[in-house]
Protein backbone atom coordinates (compact mmCIF):
# COMPACT_ATOMS: atom_id res chain seq x y z
CA MET A 1 0.68 -14.98 11.59
CA VAL A 2 3.01 -12.79 13.58
CA ASN A 3 3.65 -10.14 10.87
CA ASN A 4 -0.08 -9.67 10.23
CA TYR A 5 -0.75 -9.18 13.92
CA LYS A 6 2.11 -6.68 14.38
CA ASN A 7 1.00 -4.61 11.38
CA ILE A 8 -2.59 -4.35 12.67
CA ILE A 9 -1.50 -3.41 16.16
CA ARG A 10 0.74 -0.63 14.86
CA LEU A 11 -2.00 0.62 12.49
CA LYS A 12 -4.41 0.91 15.44
CA VAL A 13 -1.95 2.84 17.54
CA VAL A 14 -1.12 5.33 14.81
CA ALA A 15 -4.69 5.67 13.64
CA LYS A 16 -5.84 6.48 17.19
CA ALA A 17 -3.20 9.17 17.52
CA LEU A 18 -3.95 10.75 14.12
CA SER A 19 -7.72 10.80 14.87
CA GLU A 20 -6.92 13.98 16.82
CA LEU A 21 -6.07 15.76 13.60
CA LYS A 22 -8.64 17.37 11.35
CA ASN A 23 -6.63 16.52 8.21
CA LYS A 24 -7.86 13.59 6.08
CA ALA A 25 -5.42 10.71 6.61
CA VAL A 26 -5.30 7.65 4.34
CA PHE A 27 -3.07 4.64 5.15
CA VAL A 28 -1.02 3.35 2.25
CA GLY A 29 1.96 1.06 1.69
CA GLY A 30 3.01 -2.38 2.87
CA ALA A 31 1.43 -2.18 6.32
CA VAL A 32 -2.07 -2.21 4.89
CA VAL A 33 -1.63 -4.97 2.28
CA GLU A 34 -3.37 -7.55 4.40
CA LEU A 35 -6.48 -5.36 4.54
CA TYR A 36 -6.98 -5.93 0.80
CA THR A 37 -7.20 -9.69 1.26
CA ASP A 38 -10.06 -11.92 2.50
CA ASP A 39 -8.82 -15.50 1.99
CA PRO A 40 -9.06 -17.22 5.44
CA ALA A 41 -6.19 -19.49 4.36
CA ARG A 42 -3.88 -16.60 3.40
CA GLY A 43 -0.26 -16.89 4.41
CA GLU A 44 2.05 -14.56 6.26
CA VAL A 45 2.29 -11.02 4.96
CA ARG A 46 5.74 -9.56 4.53
CA PRO A 47 7.21 -7.75 7.52
CA THR A 48 7.35 -3.98 7.21
CA ASP A 49 9.13 -1.57 9.49
CA ASP A 50 7.07 1.55 8.90
CA ILE A 51 3.53 2.84 8.63
CA ASP A 52 2.85 5.05 5.52
CA VAL A 53 0.15 7.69 5.90
CA LEU A 54 -1.01 10.09 3.17
CA ILE A 55 -2.28 13.44 4.44
CA GLU A 56 -4.27 15.91 2.38
CA ILE A 57 -2.19 19.06 2.40
CA ILE A 58 -2.70 22.05 0.10
CA ASN A 59 0.64 23.87 0.40
CA ARG A 60 3.90 24.10 2.28
CA SER A 61 2.50 26.47 4.90
CA ASN A 62 -0.17 23.92 5.73
CA HIS A 63 2.55 21.32 5.94
CA ALA A 64 4.38 23.37 8.54
CA ILE A 65 1.17 23.61 10.57
CA LEU A 66 0.63 19.86 10.26
CA GLU A 67 4.17 19.22 11.53
CA GLU A 68 3.39 21.35 14.65
CA LYS A 69 0.20 19.37 15.20
CA LEU A 70 2.10 16.08 14.88
CA ARG A 71 4.67 17.06 17.35
CA ALA A 72 1.97 18.24 19.78
CA ILE A 73 0.38 14.76 19.83
CA GLY A 74 3.68 12.98 20.36
CA PHE A 75 5.18 12.48 16.92
CA LYS A 76 8.94 13.13 16.74
CA ASN A 77 10.96 13.88 13.57
CA ASP A 78 13.27 10.91 12.84
CA MET A 79 16.33 13.01 12.10
CA ASP A 80 18.70 10.05 11.95
CA SER A 81 16.79 8.36 9.05
CA GLY A 82 17.48 11.07 6.49
CA VAL A 83 13.86 10.66 5.28
CA ILE A 84 12.26 14.10 5.27
CA CYS A 85 8.71 12.88 6.03
CA ARG A 86 9.65 10.28 8.71
CA TYR A 87 8.53 10.44 12.31
CA LYS A 88 8.53 8.14 15.33
CA TYR A 89 5.55 7.61 17.51
CA HIS A 90 6.09 5.29 20.50
CA ASP A 91 8.97 3.62 18.60
CA ILE A 92 6.70 3.09 15.52
CA VAL A 93 8.22 4.51 12.36
CA VAL A 94 5.62 6.58 10.52
CA ASP A 95 6.10 8.27 7.10
CA VAL A 96 3.63 11.12 6.79
CA MET A 97 3.37 12.11 3.12
CA PRO A 98 1.46 14.85 1.30
CA GLU A 99 -0.27 13.95 -1.98
CA ASP A 100 1.04 17.05 -3.73
CA SER A 101 4.64 16.81 -5.03
CA ASN A 102 5.07 20.59 -4.59
CA VAL A 103 5.09 20.25 -0.81
CA LEU A 104 8.05 17.89 -0.29
CA GLY A 105 9.27 17.40 -3.89
CA PHE A 106 8.04 13.85 -4.32
CA THR A 107 4.81 11.88 -4.54
CA ASN A 108 3.06 9.05 -6.32
CA SER A 109 0.86 10.21 -9.20
CA TRP A 110 -2.04 7.99 -7.92
CA TYR A 111 -2.12 9.57 -4.44
CA LYS A 112 -4.34 12.48 -5.38
CA GLU A 113 -7.00 10.29 -7.01
CA GLY A 114 -6.59 7.69 -4.31
CA LEU A 115 -7.47 10.29 -1.66
CA ARG A 116 -10.80 10.72 -3.38
CA ASN A 117 -11.49 7.00 -3.75
CA THR A 118 -11.23 5.41 -0.30
CA SER A 119 -12.80 2.72 1.82
CA THR A 120 -13.24 2.65 5.59
CA ILE A 121 -11.78 -0.23 7.66
CA THR A 122 -13.13 -0.61 11.17
CA PHE A 123 -11.10 -2.41 13.76
CA ASP A 124 -12.31 -3.50 17.13
CA GLU A 125 -12.46 -0.75 19.81
CA ASP A 126 -14.16 1.42 17.14
CA ILE A 127 -10.92 2.51 15.56
CA GLU A 128 -11.31 3.38 11.87
CA ILE A 129 -8.86 4.02 9.12
CA LEU A 130 -9.14 5.02 5.45
CA ILE A 131 -7.40 3.02 2.73
CA PHE A 132 -7.51 3.45 -1.04
CA ASN A 133 -9.99 1.50 -3.01
CA LEU A 134 -8.48 -1.69 -4.37
CA GLU A 135 -7.58 -0.48 -7.87
CA TYR A 136 -5.97 2.73 -6.64
CA PHE A 137 -3.83 0.82 -4.13
CA LEU A 138 -2.67 -1.54 -6.90
CA ALA A 139 -2.04 1.40 -9.27
CA SER A 140 0.09 3.15 -6.66
CA LYS A 141 1.99 -0.11 -6.14
CA PHE A 142 2.64 -0.56 -9.83
CA GLU A 143 3.98 2.98 -10.08
CA ALA A 144 6.28 2.31 -7.15
CA LEU A 145 7.39 -0.98 -8.76
CA ASN A 146 8.25 0.92 -11.96
CA SER A 147 10.47 3.28 -10.04
CA PHE A 148 12.67 0.31 -9.20
CA ARG A 149 13.18 1.76 -5.75
CA HIS A 150 13.53 -1.83 -4.47
CA GLY A 151 15.47 -3.06 -7.49
CA LYS A 152 14.79 -4.53 -10.94
CA ASP A 153 14.88 -8.16 -9.83
CA PHE A 154 11.24 -8.79 -8.97
CA ARG A 155 12.06 -11.92 -7.05
CA PHE A 156 13.26 -9.62 -4.27
CA ASN A 157 11.13 -6.56 -4.76
CA SER A 158 8.74 -5.76 -1.96
CA ASP A 159 6.40 -3.73 -4.15
CA PHE A 160 6.00 -6.70 -6.44
CA GLU A 161 5.54 -8.94 -3.40
CA ASP A 162 2.69 -6.73 -2.17
CA ILE A 163 0.96 -6.84 -5.60
CA ILE A 164 1.27 -10.66 -5.74
CA TYR A 165 0.05 -11.05 -2.18
CA VAL A 166 -3.17 -9.22 -3.04
CA PHE A 167 -3.79 -11.17 -6.28
CA ASP A 168 -3.11 -14.44 -4.40
CA ASN A 169 -5.32 -13.76 -1.37
CA ARG A 170 -8.32 -11.70 -2.55
CA LEU A 171 -10.90 -14.31 -3.46
CA ASN A 172 -13.01 -12.30 -5.97
CA ILE A 173 -10.39 -9.92 -7.28
CA ILE A 174 -11.13 -10.43 -10.93
CA GLU A 175 -14.91 -9.87 -10.53
CA GLU A 176 -14.24 -6.76 -8.54
CA LEU A 177 -11.86 -5.23 -10.98
CA GLN A 178 -13.92 -6.09 -14.00
CA LEU A 179 -16.96 -4.31 -12.49
CA ARG A 180 -15.07 -1.04 -12.31
CA GLU A 181 -14.02 1.37 -14.99
CA ASN A 182 -11.84 4.40 -14.13
CA PRO A 183 -8.32 5.69 -14.89
CA ALA A 184 -6.75 3.34 -12.39
CA ILE A 185 -8.30 0.27 -14.07
CA GLY A 186 -7.02 1.42 -17.46
CA TYR A 187 -3.58 1.90 -16.02
CA LEU A 188 -3.65 -1.56 -14.37
CA ARG A 189 -4.49 -3.20 -17.66
CA ILE A 190 -1.48 -1.59 -19.30
CA GLU A 191 0.84 -2.52 -16.47
CA ILE A 192 -0.39 -6.08 -16.02
CA ARG A 193 -0.06 -6.71 -19.80
CA SER A 194 3.54 -5.45 -19.63
CA LEU A 195 4.17 -7.54 -16.49
CA LEU A 196 2.94 -10.76 -18.18
CA GLU A 197 5.43 -10.16 -21.04
CA ARG A 198 8.38 -10.53 -18.67
CA PRO A 199 10.25 -13.74 -19.67
CA ASN A 200 10.61 -15.04 -16.14
CA ILE A 201 7.30 -13.84 -14.69
CA GLU A 202 6.27 -17.27 -13.33
CA GLU A 203 9.55 -17.66 -11.46
CA GLU A 204 9.22 -14.09 -10.09
CA ILE A 205 5.72 -14.82 -8.82
CA ILE A 206 6.77 -18.17 -7.27
CA SER A 207 9.59 -16.36 -5.41
CA ASN A 208 7.00 -14.08 -3.69
CA ILE A 209 4.41 -16.64 -2.50
CA GLU A 210 4.26 -19.35 0.10
CA PRO A 211 6.16 -22.50 -1.08
CA SER A 212 3.20 -24.85 -0.69
CA ASN A 213 1.60 -25.41 -4.12
CA SER A 214 3.53 -22.42 -5.39
CA SER A 215 3.51 -23.51 -9.06
CA LEU A 216 -0.28 -24.04 -9.03
CA ARG A 217 -0.91 -20.76 -7.30
CA ALA A 218 1.45 -18.87 -9.62
CA GLY A 219 -0.49 -20.33 -12.57
CA ARG A 220 -3.73 -19.21 -11.00
CA ILE A 221 -2.44 -15.68 -10.52
CA ILE A 222 -1.24 -15.48 -14.10
CA GLN A 223 -4.68 -16.72 -15.24
CA ILE A 224 -6.39 -14.07 -13.19
CA MET A 225 -4.23 -11.43 -14.68
CA GLU A 226 -4.72 -12.67 -18.23
CA THR A 227 -8.54 -12.68 -17.73
CA PHE A 228 -8.39 -9.11 -16.42
CA ILE A 229 -6.60 -7.70 -19.42
CA GLN A 230 -8.78 -9.31 -22.04
């Protein structure tokens, strides 16, 4: 699973570099999708070109200080990309984002709560990263999906693909979600109910999973979602 391996290697490199900062850093986005799965038979995760990191920043002056710290440890602003929060570190593209929209003018409404609801992932060599708890990761993905930043056709939407990958490859996802009750869970129930009302939802799911037994697996994913919203 080449993409899975590449994502983990890049996460380790960036995590080790950011460990020098005192700011709380939480890894989000497509590069961490595999970390939410535990099925040994899982397929290849989608390739992603960048690492997304959420940094706890109070205001713009703190952001300026953070930028100085990032440059001091080898991060370089990616001026050619046109993305205000994008850096390069040893040829790895890294988007460093604040949770507060007042800092850069954009955010995801689940970032602030996600920062307060995290899990620790430990790699070999004692490298650790923080990621959102499952429901907050999914909530942030659904909000991104609703922005249509990757289009309205979910057959080719990477946010939708990430959501489906987690539902397809986390063995006890329904039990885990049903044991929790918080704003993210309530939001997920609303969004999944709306998702299941899409006329071509089965086709959209099939388009985003491995072709082997795709119809059976799509049916299983839909059943999991239906059970969750009951």
